[in-house]
């Protein structure tokens, strides 16, 4: 059985809900507390590849930091947005659940059922 990774923020109700759903399925789970440990460039690029997403698609657009940094500017490069996620991990959408070469953003939480 592979280990299911969850990019988890314990303060987020959706993230807690996703973790409980995973636990209810008796899966091996690795909690990635990205707000404490931070994010690395290769980690973000891997998430983007697995999710088949662009950096802005995994960012929390309503966060104060997103608005303050004008991150909706279409002229910003993907590389810049990735660097911003490294500097400000709070901007990462949550929860993100990874199972091998599959991943889903758990909004709604039921999305993660597609990959477990």
PDB file of N, CA and C in Angstrom:
ATOM      1  N   UNK A   1       0.850  -1.183   0.000  1.00  0.00           N
ATOM      2  CA  UNK A   1       0.000   0.000   0.000  1.00  0.00           C
ATOM      3  C   UNK A   1       0.889   1.237   0.000  1.00  0.00           C
ATOM      4  N   UNK A   2       0.590   2.154  -0.888  1.00  0.00           N
ATOM      5  CA  UNK A   2       1.393   3.373  -0.939  1.00  0.00           C
ATOM      6  C   UNK A   2       0.960   4.351   0.157  1.00  0.00           C
ATOM      7  N   UNK A   3       1.837   5.282   0.427  1.00  0.00           N
ATOM      8  CA  UNK A   3       1.555   6.293   1.443  1.00  0.00           C
ATOM      9  C   UNK A   3       0.859   7.469   0.764  1.00  0.00           C
ATOM     10  N   UNK A   4      -0.243   7.885   1.334  1.00  0.00           N
ATOM     11  CA  UNK A   4      -1.000   9.035   0.850  1.00  0.00           C
ATOM     12  C   UNK A   4      -0.442  10.267   1.537  1.00  0.00           C
ATOM     13  N   UNK A   5      -0.059  11.264   0.743  1.00  0.00           N
ATOM     14  CA  UNK A   5       0.455  12.513   1.310  1.00  0.00           C
ATOM     15  C   UNK A   5      -0.659  13.548   1.318  1.00  0.00           C
ATOM     16  N   UNK A   6      -0.722  14.296   2.390  1.00  0.00           N
ATOM     17  CA  UNK A   6      -1.678  15.400   2.455  1.00  0.00           C
ATOM     18  C   UNK A   6      -0.934  16.656   2.882  1.00  0.00           C
ATOM     19  N   UNK A   7      -1.027  17.684   2.036  1.00  0.00           N
ATOM     20  CA  UNK A   7      -0.504  19.003   2.378  1.00  0.00           C
ATOM     21  C   UNK A   7      -1.563  19.616   3.284  1.00  0.00           C
ATOM     22  N   UNK A   8      -1.223  19.678   4.559  1.00  0.00           N
ATOM     23  CA  UNK A   8      -2.216  19.893   5.603  1.00  0.00           C
ATOM     24  C   UNK A   8      -1.943  21.149   6.415  1.00  0.00           C
ATOM     25  N   UNK A   9      -3.018  21.887   6.656  1.00  0.00           N
ATOM     26  CA  UNK A   9      -2.991  23.019   7.577  1.00  0.00           C
ATOM     27  C   UNK A   9      -4.010  22.696   8.663  1.00  0.00           C
ATOM     28  N   UNK A  10      -3.561  22.347   9.872  1.00  0.00           N
ATOM     29  CA  UNK A  10      -4.475  21.961  10.939  1.00  0.00           C
ATOM     30  C   UNK A  10      -5.507  23.029  11.307  1.00  0.00           C
ATOM     31  N   UNK A  11      -5.242  24.283  10.972  1.00  0.00           N
ATOM     32  CA  UNK A  11      -6.194  25.356  11.291  1.00  0.00           C
ATOM     33  C   UNK A  11      -7.328  25.453  10.271  1.00  0.00           C
ATOM     34  N   UNK A  12      -7.205  24.744   9.154  1.00  0.00           N
ATOM     35  CA  UNK A  12      -8.195  24.817   8.071  1.00  0.00           C
ATOM     36  C   UNK A  12      -9.222  23.696   8.227  1.00  0.00           C
ATOM     37  N   UNK A  13     -10.494  24.040   8.261  1.00  0.00           N
ATOM     38  CA  UNK A  13     -11.541  23.023   8.457  1.00  0.00           C
ATOM     39  C   UNK A  13     -11.584  22.031   7.294  1.00  0.00           C
ATOM     40  N   UNK A  14     -11.389  22.489   6.065  1.00  0.00           N
ATOM     41  CA  UNK A  14     -11.403  21.577   4.911  1.00  0.00           C
ATOM     42  C   UNK A  14     -10.218  20.613   4.977  1.00  0.00           C
ATOM     43  N   UNK A  15      -9.100  21.103   5.418  1.00  0.00           N
ATOM     44  CA  UNK A  15      -7.917  20.277   5.550  1.00  0.00           C
ATOM     45  C   UNK A  15      -8.127  19.218   6.640  1.00  0.00           C
ATOM     46  N   UNK A  16      -8.693  19.625   7.761  1.00  0.00           N
ATOM     47  CA  UNK A  16      -8.981  18.670   8.843  1.00  0.00           C
ATOM     48  C   UNK A  16      -9.998  17.619   8.384  1.00  0.00           C
ATOM     49  N   UNK A  17     -10.999  18.081   7.626  1.00  0.00           N
ATOM     50  CA  UNK A  17     -12.013  17.178   7.085  1.00  0.00           C
ATOM     51  C   UNK A  17     -11.375  16.132   6.159  1.00  0.00           C
ATOM     52  N   UNK A  18     -10.487  16.580   5.291  1.00  0.00           N
ATOM     53  CA  UNK A  18      -9.811  15.675   4.359  1.00  0.00           C
ATOM     54  C   UNK A  18      -8.963  14.654   5.118  1.00  0.00           C
ATOM     55  N   UNK A  19      -8.250  15.107   6.134  1.00  0.00           N
ATOM     56  CA  UNK A  19      -7.425  14.203   6.931  1.00  0.00           C
ATOM     57  C   UNK A  19      -8.292  13.149   7.618  1.00  0.00           C
ATOM     58  N   UNK A  20      -9.412  13.559   8.170  1.00  0.00           N
ATOM     59  CA  UNK A  20     -10.324  12.610   8.822  1.00  0.00           C
ATOM     60  C   UNK A  20     -10.869  11.598   7.815  1.00  0.00           C
ATOM     61  N   UNK A  21     -11.190  12.058   6.612  1.00  0.00           N
ATOM     62  CA  UNK A  21     -11.672  11.153   5.568  1.00  0.00           C
ATOM     63  C   UNK A  21     -10.606  10.110   5.232  1.00  0.00           C
ATOM     64  N   UNK A  22      -9.372  10.548   5.089  1.00  0.00           N
ATOM     65  CA  UNK A  22      -8.279   9.626   4.799  1.00  0.00           C
ATOM     66  C   UNK A  22      -8.095   8.624   5.942  1.00  0.00           C
ATOM     67  N   UNK A  23      -8.149   9.117   7.172  1.00  0.00           N
ATOM     68  CA  UNK A  23      -7.989   8.226   8.335  1.00  0.00           C
ATOM     69  C   UNK A  23      -9.117   7.205   8.398  1.00  0.00           C
ATOM     70  N   UNK A  24     -10.317   7.617   8.015  1.00  0.00           N
ATOM     71  CA  UNK A  24     -11.461   6.699   8.063  1.00  0.00           C
ATOM     72  C   UNK A  24     -11.315   5.549   7.069  1.00  0.00           C
ATOM     73  N   UNK A  25     -10.452   5.718   6.087  1.00  0.00           N
ATOM     74  CA  UNK A  25     -10.212   4.681   5.069  1.00  0.00           C
ATOM     75  C   UNK A  25      -9.038   3.777   5.452  1.00  0.00           C
ATOM     76  N   UNK A  26      -8.487   3.979   6.661  1.00  0.00           N
ATOM     77  CA  UNK A  26      -7.361   3.175   7.166  1.00  0.00           C
ATOM     78  C   UNK A  26      -6.174   3.169   6.204  1.00  0.00           C
ATOM     79  N   UNK A  27      -5.828   4.326   5.700  1.00  0.00           N
ATOM     80  CA  UNK A  27      -4.714   4.471   4.766  1.00  0.00           C
ATOM     81  C   UNK A  27      -3.449   4.880   5.515  1.00  0.00           C
ATOM     82  N   UNK A  28      -2.304   4.582   4.917  1.00  0.00           N
ATOM     83  CA  UNK A  28      -1.042   5.101   5.453  1.00  0.00           C
ATOM     84  C   UNK A  28      -0.948   6.543   4.985  1.00  0.00           C
ATOM     85  N   UNK A  29      -0.799   7.447   5.936  1.00  0.00           N
ATOM     86  CA  UNK A  29      -0.865   8.882   5.633  1.00  0.00           C
ATOM     87  C   UNK A  29       0.412   9.578   6.091  1.00  0.00           C
ATOM     88  N   UNK A  30       0.899  10.454   5.233  1.00  0.00           N
ATOM     89  CA  UNK A  30       2.002  11.345   5.607  1.00  0.00           C
ATOM     90  C   UNK A  30       1.450  12.767   5.593  1.00  0.00           C
ATOM     91  N   UNK A  31       1.398  13.375   6.749  1.00  0.00           N
ATOM     92  CA  UNK A  31       0.944  14.761   6.846  1.00  0.00           C
ATOM     93  C   UNK A  31       2.119  15.674   6.545  1.00  0.00           C
ATOM     94  N   UNK A  32       1.958  16.540   5.581  1.00  0.00           N
ATOM     95  CA  UNK A  32       2.991  17.517   5.259  1.00  0.00           C
ATOM     96  C   UNK A  32       2.507  18.867   5.798  1.00  0.00           C
ATOM     97  N   UNK A  33       3.108  19.286   6.875  1.00  0.00           N
ATOM     98  CA  UNK A  33       2.738  20.555   7.512  1.00  0.00           C
ATOM     99  C   UNK A  33       3.559  21.664   6.849  1.00  0.00           C
ATOM    100  N   UNK A  34       3.131  22.017   5.654  1.00  0.00           N
ATOM    101  CA  UNK A  34       3.902  22.913   4.786  1.00  0.00           C
ATOM    102  C   UNK A  34       4.073  24.318   5.360  1.00  0.00           C
ATOM    103  N   UNK A  35       3.196  24.735   6.258  1.00  0.00           N
ATOM    104  CA  UNK A  35       3.364  26.063   6.857  1.00  0.00           C
ATOM    105  C   UNK A  35       4.536  26.065   7.834  1.00  0.00           C
ATOM    106  N   UNK A  36       4.842  24.900   8.430  1.00  0.00           N
ATOM    107  CA  UNK A  36       5.973  24.797   9.342  1.00  0.00           C
ATOM    108  C   UNK A  36       7.263  24.496   8.595  1.00  0.00           C
ATOM    109  N   UNK A  37       7.207  23.537   7.671  1.00  0.00           N
ATOM    110  CA  UNK A  37       8.438  23.098   7.007  1.00  0.00           C
ATOM    111  C   UNK A  37       8.764  23.914   5.756  1.00  0.00           C
ATOM    112  N   UNK A  38       7.777  24.629   5.233  1.00  0.00           N
ATOM    113  CA  UNK A  38       7.985  25.384   4.005  1.00  0.00           C
ATOM    114  C   UNK A  38       7.817  24.494   2.777  1.00  0.00           C
ATOM    115  N   UNK A  39       7.981  25.095   1.635  1.00  0.00           N
ATOM    116  CA  UNK A  39       7.853  24.396   0.356  1.00  0.00           C
ATOM    117  C   UNK A  39       9.134  24.579  -0.438  1.00  0.00           C
ATOM    118  N   UNK A  40       9.502  23.551  -1.173  1.00  0.00           N
ATOM    119  CA  UNK A  40      10.685  23.628  -2.028  1.00  0.00           C
ATOM    120  C   UNK A  40      10.251  23.715  -3.483  1.00  0.00           C
ATOM    121  N   UNK A  41      11.100  24.299  -4.301  1.00  0.00           N
ATOM    122  CA  UNK A  41      10.772  24.500  -5.707  1.00  0.00           C
ATOM    123  C   UNK A  41      10.433  23.189  -6.414  1.00  0.00           C
ATOM    124  N   UNK A  42      11.258  22.158  -6.219  1.00  0.00           N
ATOM    125  CA  UNK A  42      10.996  20.886  -6.903  1.00  0.00           C
ATOM    126  C   UNK A  42       9.694  20.252  -6.418  1.00  0.00           C
ATOM    127  N   UNK A  43       9.345  20.473  -5.167  1.00  0.00           N
ATOM    128  CA  UNK A  43       8.106  19.959  -4.592  1.00  0.00           C
ATOM    129  C   UNK A  43       6.896  20.625  -5.262  1.00  0.00           C
ATOM    130  N   UNK A  44       6.958  21.947  -5.411  1.00  0.00           N
ATOM    131  CA  UNK A  44       5.865  22.683  -6.060  1.00  0.00           C
ATOM    132  C   UNK A  44       5.747  22.260  -7.520  1.00  0.00           C
ATOM    133  N   UNK A  45       6.874  22.165  -8.207  1.00  0.00           N
ATOM    134  CA  UNK A  45       6.839  21.765  -9.617  1.00  0.00           C
ATOM    135  C   UNK A  45       6.275  20.357  -9.773  1.00  0.00           C
ATOM    136  N   UNK A  46       6.590  19.471  -8.848  1.00  0.00           N
ATOM    137  CA  UNK A  46       6.042  18.120  -8.888  1.00  0.00           C
ATOM    138  C   UNK A  46       4.522  18.153  -8.690  1.00  0.00           C
ATOM    139  N   UNK A  47       4.060  18.938  -7.717  1.00  0.00           N
ATOM    140  CA  UNK A  47       2.616  19.079  -7.503  1.00  0.00           C
ATOM    141  C   UNK A  47       1.926  19.610  -8.753  1.00  0.00           C
ATOM    142  N   UNK A  48       2.521  20.618  -9.358  1.00  0.00           N
ATOM    143  CA  UNK A  48       1.936  21.201 -10.570  1.00  0.00           C
ATOM    144  C   UNK A  48       1.832  20.166 -11.685  1.00  0.00           C
ATOM    145  N   UNK A  49       2.881  19.371 -11.824  1.00  0.00           N
ATOM    146  CA  UNK A  49       2.890  18.351 -12.872  1.00  0.00           C
ATOM    147  C   UNK A  49       1.811  17.296 -12.611  1.00  0.00           C
ATOM    148  N   UNK A  50       1.748  16.796 -11.391  1.00  0.00           N
ATOM    149  CA  UNK A  50       0.769  15.763 -11.056  1.00  0.00           C
ATOM    150  C   UNK A  50      -0.661  16.296 -11.176  1.00  0.00           C
ATOM    151  N   UNK A  51      -0.868  17.533 -10.725  1.00  0.00           N
ATOM    152  CA  UNK A  51      -2.200  18.137 -10.789  1.00  0.00           C
ATOM    153  C   UNK A  51      -2.560  18.631 -12.195  1.00  0.00           C
ATOM    154  N   UNK A  52      -1.547  18.677 -13.073  1.00  0.00           N
ATOM    155  CA  UNK A  52      -1.734  19.253 -14.422  1.00  0.00           C
ATOM    156  C   UNK A  52      -2.298  20.671 -14.286  1.00  0.00           C
ATOM    157  N   UNK A  53      -1.593  21.448 -13.459  1.00  0.00           N
ATOM    158  CA  UNK A  53      -2.060  22.793 -13.122  1.00  0.00           C
ATOM    159  C   UNK A  53      -0.959  23.824 -13.339  1.00  0.00           C
ATOM    160  N   UNK A  54      -1.377  25.058 -13.417  1.00  0.00           N
ATOM    161  CA  UNK A  54      -0.483  26.206 -13.455  1.00  0.00           C
ATOM    162  C   UNK A  54      -0.365  26.742 -12.028  1.00  0.00           C
ATOM    163  N   UNK A  55       0.723  27.441 -11.705  1.00  0.00           N
ATOM    164  CA  UNK A  55       0.917  27.914 -10.327  1.00  0.00           C
ATOM    165  C   UNK A  55      -0.274  28.674  -9.741  1.00  0.00           C
ATOM    166  N   UNK A  56      -0.871  29.539 -10.499  1.00  0.00           N
ATOM    167  CA  UNK A  56      -1.981  30.345  -9.989  1.00  0.00           C
ATOM    168  C   UNK A  56      -3.175  29.454  -9.600  1.00  0.00           C
ATOM    169  N   UNK A  57      -3.307  28.293 -10.240  1.00  0.00           N
ATOM    170  CA  UNK A  57      -4.428  27.393  -9.967  1.00  0.00           C
ATOM    171  C   UNK A  57      -4.304  26.696  -8.607  1.00  0.00           C
ATOM    172  N   UNK A  58      -3.122  26.732  -8.009  1.00  0.00           N
ATOM    173  CA  UNK A  58      -2.963  26.117  -6.687  1.00  0.00           C
ATOM    174  C   UNK A  58      -2.723  27.185  -5.614  1.00  0.00           C
ATOM    175  N   UNK A  59      -3.083  28.416  -5.947  1.00  0.00           N
ATOM    176  CA  UNK A  59      -2.906  29.519  -4.999  1.00  0.00           C
ATOM    177  C   UNK A  59      -4.256  29.971  -4.453  1.00  0.00           C
ATOM    178  N   UNK A  60      -4.233  30.372  -3.199  1.00  0.00           N
ATOM    179  CA  UNK A  60      -5.433  30.899  -2.544  1.00  0.00           C
ATOM    180  C   UNK A  60      -5.582  32.376  -2.908  1.00  0.00           C
ATOM    181  N   UNK A  61      -6.479  32.628  -3.841  1.00  0.00           N
ATOM    182  CA  UNK A  61      -6.614  33.963  -4.426  1.00  0.00           C
ATOM    183  C   UNK A  61      -7.270  34.993  -3.503  1.00  0.00           C
ATOM    184  N   UNK A  62      -7.907  34.538  -2.441  1.00  0.00           N
ATOM    185  CA  UNK A  62      -8.564  35.485  -1.534  1.00  0.00           C
ATOM    186  C   UNK A  62      -7.684  35.874  -0.351  1.00  0.00           C
ATOM    187  N   UNK A  63      -6.497  35.267  -0.264  1.00  0.00           N
ATOM    188  CA  UNK A  63      -5.579  35.620   0.822  1.00  0.00           C
ATOM    189  C   UNK A  63      -5.097  37.058   0.653  1.00  0.00           C
ATOM    190  N   UNK A  64      -4.922  37.725   1.772  1.00  0.00           N
ATOM    191  CA  UNK A  64      -4.444  39.108   1.786  1.00  0.00           C
ATOM    192  C   UNK A  64      -3.121  39.244   1.022  1.00  0.00           C
ATOM    193  N   UNK A  65      -2.227  38.258   1.197  1.00  0.00           N
ATOM    194  CA  UNK A  65      -0.916  38.303   0.541  1.00  0.00           C
ATOM    195  C   UNK A  65      -1.037  38.217  -0.982  1.00  0.00           C
ATOM    196  N   UNK A  66      -1.995  37.450  -1.456  1.00  0.00           N
ATOM    197  CA  UNK A  66      -2.211  37.318  -2.904  1.00  0.00           C
ATOM    198  C   UNK A  66      -2.630  38.675  -3.489  1.00  0.00           C
ATOM    199  N   UNK A  67      -3.569  39.302  -2.814  1.00  0.00           N
ATOM    200  CA  UNK A  67      -4.096  40.594  -3.272  1.00  0.00           C
ATOM    201  C   UNK A  67      -3.025  41.674  -3.141  1.00  0.00           C
ATOM    202  N   UNK A  68      -2.358  41.719  -1.990  1.00  0.00           N
ATOM    203  CA  UNK A  68      -1.347  42.749  -1.718  1.00  0.00           C
ATOM    204  C   UNK A  68      -0.183  42.684  -2.708  1.00  0.00           C
ATOM    205  N   UNK A  69       0.172  41.470  -3.142  1.00  0.00           N
ATOM    206  CA  UNK A  69       1.298  41.307  -4.069  1.00  0.00           C
ATOM    207  C   UNK A  69       0.867  41.365  -5.532  1.00  0.00           C
ATOM    208  N   UNK A  70      -0.429  41.664  -5.748  1.00  0.00           N
ATOM    209  CA  UNK A  70      -0.956  41.791  -7.118  1.00  0.00           C
ATOM    210  C   UNK A  70      -0.642  40.536  -7.948  1.00  0.00           C
ATOM    211  N   UNK A  71      -0.854  39.365  -7.359  1.00  0.00           N
ATOM    212  CA  UNK A  71      -0.488  38.115  -8.017  1.00  0.00           C
ATOM    213  C   UNK A  71      -1.444  37.705  -9.136  1.00  0.00           C
ATOM    214  N   UNK A  72      -2.530  38.446  -9.291  1.00  0.00           N
ATOM    215  CA  UNK A  72      -3.416  38.164 -10.427  1.00  0.00           C
ATOM    216  C   UNK A  72      -2.933  38.850 -11.708  1.00  0.00           C
ATOM    217  N   UNK A  73      -1.834  39.559 -11.630  1.00  0.00           N
ATOM    218  CA  UNK A  73      -1.243  40.224 -12.795  1.00  0.00           C
ATOM    219  C   UNK A  73      -0.850  39.150 -13.829  1.00  0.00           C
ATOM    220  N   UNK A  74      -1.473  39.170 -15.009  1.00  0.00           N
ATOM    221  CA  UNK A  74      -1.198  38.133 -16.010  1.00  0.00           C
ATOM    222  C   UNK A  74       0.234  38.166 -16.552  1.00  0.00           C
ATOM    223  N   UNK A  75       0.961  39.242 -16.311  1.00  0.00           N
ATOM    224  CA  UNK A  75       2.339  39.351 -16.802  1.00  0.00           C
ATOM    225  C   UNK A  75       3.360  38.647 -15.911  1.00  0.00           C
ATOM    226  N   UNK A  76       2.923  38.155 -14.753  1.00  0.00           N
ATOM    227  CA  UNK A  76       3.845  37.470 -13.853  1.00  0.00           C
ATOM    228  C   UNK A  76       4.150  36.079 -14.403  1.00  0.00           C
ATOM    229  N   UNK A  77       5.399  35.716 -14.382  1.00  0.00           N
ATOM    230  CA  UNK A  77       5.812  34.412 -14.920  1.00  0.00           C
ATOM    231  C   UNK A  77       5.467  33.289 -13.952  1.00  0.00           C
ATOM    232  N   UNK A  78       5.392  32.073 -14.486  1.00  0.00           N
ATOM    233  CA  UNK A  78       5.151  30.907 -13.642  1.00  0.00           C
ATOM    234  C   UNK A  78       6.283  30.754 -12.628  1.00  0.00           C
ATOM    235  N   UNK A  79       7.507  31.022 -13.070  1.00  0.00           N
ATOM    236  CA  UNK A  79       8.667  30.917 -12.188  1.00  0.00           C
ATOM    237  C   UNK A  79       8.524  31.884 -11.005  1.00  0.00           C
ATOM    238  N   UNK A  80       8.069  33.111 -11.286  1.00  0.00           N
ATOM    239  CA  UNK A  80       7.861  34.101 -10.223  1.00  0.00           C
ATOM    240  C   UNK A  80       6.802  33.604  -9.245  1.00  0.00           C
ATOM    241  N   UNK A  81       5.714  33.039  -9.756  1.00  0.00           N
ATOM    242  CA  UNK A  81       4.637  32.556  -8.898  1.00  0.00           C
ATOM    243  C   UNK A  81       5.108  31.378  -8.039  1.00  0.00           C
ATOM    244  N   UNK A  82       5.936  30.514  -8.600  1.00  0.00           N
ATOM    245  CA  UNK A  82       6.497  29.401  -7.825  1.00  0.00           C
ATOM    246  C   UNK A  82       7.375  29.945  -6.708  1.00  0.00           C
ATOM    247  N   UNK A  83       8.216  30.915  -7.021  1.00  0.00           N
ATOM    248  CA  UNK A  83       9.077  31.530  -5.997  1.00  0.00           C
ATOM    249  C   UNK A  83       8.229  32.191  -4.900  1.00  0.00           C
ATOM    250  N   UNK A  84       7.098  32.754  -5.308  1.00  0.00           N
ATOM    251  CA  UNK A  84       6.199  33.380  -4.338  1.00  0.00           C
ATOM    252  C   UNK A  84       5.609  32.331  -3.401  1.00  0.00           C
ATOM    253  N   UNK A  85       5.252  31.162  -3.936  1.00  0.00           N
ATOM    254  CA  UNK A  85       4.744  30.082  -3.086  1.00  0.00           C
ATOM    255  C   UNK A  85       5.811  29.619  -2.094  1.00  0.00           C
ATOM    256  N   UNK A  86       7.068  29.637  -2.515  1.00  0.00           N
ATOM    257  CA  UNK A  86       8.156  29.255  -1.615  1.00  0.00           C
ATOM    258  C   UNK A  86       8.273  30.284  -0.481  1.00  0.00           C
ATOM    259  N   UNK A  87       8.214  31.567  -0.849  1.00  0.00           N
ATOM    260  CA  UNK A  87       8.334  32.638   0.149  1.00  0.00           C
ATOM    261  C   UNK A  87       7.105  32.740   1.040  1.00  0.00           C
ATOM    262  N   UNK A  88       5.929  32.428   0.480  1.00  0.00           N
ATOM    263  CA  UNK A  88       4.667  32.600   1.198  1.00  0.00           C
ATOM    264  C   UNK A  88       3.836  31.318   1.086  1.00  0.00           C
ATOM    265  N   UNK A  89       4.206  30.251   1.809  1.00  0.00           N
ATOM    266  CA  UNK A  89       3.499  28.978   1.677  1.00  0.00           C
ATOM    267  C   UNK A  89       2.021  29.050   2.056  1.00  0.00           C
ATOM    268  N   UNK A  90       1.656  30.083   2.799  1.00  0.00           N
ATOM    269  CA  UNK A  90       0.254  30.280   3.167  1.00  0.00           C
ATOM    270  C   UNK A  90      -0.636  30.382   1.926  1.00  0.00           C
ATOM    271  N   UNK A  91      -0.044  30.742   0.796  1.00  0.00           N
ATOM    272  CA  UNK A  91      -0.808  30.903  -0.439  1.00  0.00           C
ATOM    273  C   UNK A  91      -1.181  29.582  -1.105  1.00  0.00           C
ATOM    274  N   UNK A  92      -0.582  28.477  -0.661  1.00  0.00           N
ATOM    275  CA  UNK A  92      -0.885  27.182  -1.270  1.00  0.00           C
ATOM    276  C   UNK A  92      -2.317  26.774  -0.948  1.00  0.00           C
ATOM    277  N   UNK A  93      -3.057  26.404  -1.967  1.00  0.00           N
ATOM    278  CA  UNK A  93      -4.417  25.902  -1.770  1.00  0.00           C
ATOM    279  C   UNK A  93      -4.342  24.643  -0.917  1.00  0.00           C
ATOM    280  N   UNK A  94      -5.362  24.425  -0.127  1.00  0.00           N
ATOM    281  CA  UNK A  94      -5.358  23.272   0.755  1.00  0.00           C
ATOM    282  C   UNK A  94      -6.748  22.680   0.878  1.00  0.00           C
ATOM    283  N   UNK A  95      -6.795  21.424   1.198  1.00  0.00           N
ATOM    284  CA  UNK A  95      -5.700  20.462   1.239  1.00  0.00           C
ATOM    285  C   UNK A  95      -5.380  19.945  -0.164  1.00  0.00           C
ATOM    286  N   UNK A  96      -4.152  19.526  -0.351  1.00  0.00           N
ATOM    287  CA  UNK A  96      -3.772  18.810  -1.568  1.00  0.00           C
ATOM    288  C   UNK A  96      -3.385  17.408  -1.126  1.00  0.00           C
ATOM    289  N   UNK A  97      -3.983  16.410  -1.778  1.00  0.00           N
ATOM    290  CA  UNK A  97      -3.722  15.015  -1.448  1.00  0.00           C
ATOM    291  C   UNK A  97      -3.038  14.360  -2.641  1.00  0.00           C
ATOM    292  N   UNK A  98      -1.960  13.636  -2.358  1.00  0.00           N
ATOM    293  CA  UNK A  98      -1.168  12.980  -3.401  1.00  0.00           C
ATOM    294  C   UNK A  98      -1.131  11.478  -3.118  1.00  0.00           C
ATOM    295  N   UNK A  99      -1.448  10.718  -4.155  1.00  0.00           N
ATOM    296  CA  UNK A  99      -1.362   9.262  -4.092  1.00  0.00           C
ATOM    297  C   UNK A  99      -0.551   8.805  -5.297  1.00  0.00           C
ATOM    298  N   UNK A 100       0.742   8.602  -5.088  1.00  0.00           N
ATOM    299  CA  UNK A 100       1.617   8.193  -6.195  1.00  0.00           C
ATOM    300  C   UNK A 100       1.710   9.276  -7.255  1.00  0.00           C
ATOM    301  N   UNK A 101       1.231   8.955  -8.458  1.00  0.00           N
ATOM    302  CA  UNK A 101       1.292   9.920  -9.560  1.00  0.00           C
ATOM    303  C   UNK A 101      -0.046  10.616  -9.789  1.00  0.00           C
ATOM    304  N   UNK A 102      -0.912  10.590  -8.758  1.00  0.00           N
ATOM    305  CA  UNK A 102      -2.208  11.263  -8.839  1.00  0.00           C
ATOM    306  C   UNK A 102      -2.334  12.235  -7.671  1.00  0.00           C
ATOM    307  N   UNK A 103      -3.025  13.331  -7.923  1.00  0.00           N
ATOM    308  CA  UNK A 103      -3.244  14.311  -6.849  1.00  0.00           C
ATOM    309  C   UNK A 103      -4.554  15.043  -7.093  1.00  0.00           C
ATOM    310  N   UNK A 104      -5.123  15.534  -6.014  1.00  0.00           N
ATOM    311  CA  UNK A 104      -6.353  16.330  -6.087  1.00  0.00           C
ATOM    312  C   UNK A 104      -6.310  17.399  -5.017  1.00  0.00           C
ATOM    313  N   UNK A 105      -6.904  18.521  -5.339  1.00  0.00           N
ATOM    314  CA  UNK A 105      -7.150  19.554  -4.332  1.00  0.00           C
ATOM    315  C   UNK A 105      -8.478  19.180  -3.682  1.00  0.00           C
ATOM    316  N   UNK A 106      -8.491  19.118  -2.368  1.00  0.00           N
ATOM    317  CA  UNK A 106      -9.674  18.671  -1.635  1.00  0.00           C
ATOM    318  C   UNK A 106     -10.709  19.745  -1.407  1.00  0.00           C
ATOM    319  N   UNK A 107     -11.126  20.392  -2.466  1.00  0.00           N
ATOM    320  CA  UNK A 107     -12.207  21.386  -2.409  1.00  0.00           C
ATOM    321  C   UNK A 107     -13.133  21.132  -3.580  1.00  0.00           C
ATOM    322  N   UNK A 108     -14.239  20.469  -3.350  1.00  0.00           N
ATOM    323  CA  UNK A 108     -14.709  19.929  -2.081  1.00  0.00           C
ATOM    324  C   UNK A 108     -13.898  18.700  -1.666  1.00  0.00           C
ATOM    325  N   UNK A 109     -14.014  18.344  -0.402  1.00  0.00           N
ATOM    326  CA  UNK A 109     -13.226  17.254   0.162  1.00  0.00           C
ATOM    327  C   UNK A 109     -13.445  15.948  -0.614  1.00  0.00           C
ATOM    328  N   UNK A 110     -14.627  15.746  -1.122  1.00  0.00           N
ATOM    329  CA  UNK A 110     -14.953  14.509  -1.842  1.00  0.00           C
ATOM    330  C   UNK A 110     -14.077  14.305  -3.071  1.00  0.00           C
ATOM    331  N   UNK A 111     -13.448  15.361  -3.566  1.00  0.00           N
ATOM    332  CA  UNK A 111     -12.543  15.228  -4.721  1.00  0.00           C
ATOM    333  C   UNK A 111     -11.460  14.192  -4.470  1.00  0.00           C
ATOM    334  N   UNK A 112     -11.005  14.091  -3.237  1.00  0.00           N
ATOM    335  CA  UNK A 112      -9.876  13.191  -2.961  1.00  0.00           C
ATOM    336  C   UNK A 112     -10.260  11.717  -3.097  1.00  0.00           C
ATOM    337  N   UNK A 113     -11.549  11.425  -3.035  1.00  0.00           N
ATOM    338  CA  UNK A 113     -12.004  10.039  -3.180  1.00  0.00           C
ATOM    339  C   UNK A 113     -11.632   9.484  -4.558  1.00  0.00           C
ATOM    340  N   UNK A 114     -11.473  10.351  -5.541  1.00  0.00           N
ATOM    341  CA  UNK A 114     -11.153   9.928  -6.898  1.00  0.00           C
ATOM    342  C   UNK A 114      -9.761   9.305  -6.999  1.00  0.00           C
ATOM    343  N   UNK A 115      -8.891   9.567  -6.028  1.00  0.00           N
ATOM    344  CA  UNK A 115      -7.500   9.074  -6.158  1.00  0.00           C
ATOM    345  C   UNK A 115      -7.105   8.101  -5.059  1.00  0.00           C
ATOM    346  N   UNK A 116      -8.024   7.739  -4.160  1.00  0.00           N
ATOM    347  CA  UNK A 116      -7.629   6.799  -3.098  1.00  0.00           C
ATOM    348  C   UNK A 116      -8.261   5.434  -3.285  1.00  0.00           C
TER     349      UNK A 116
END
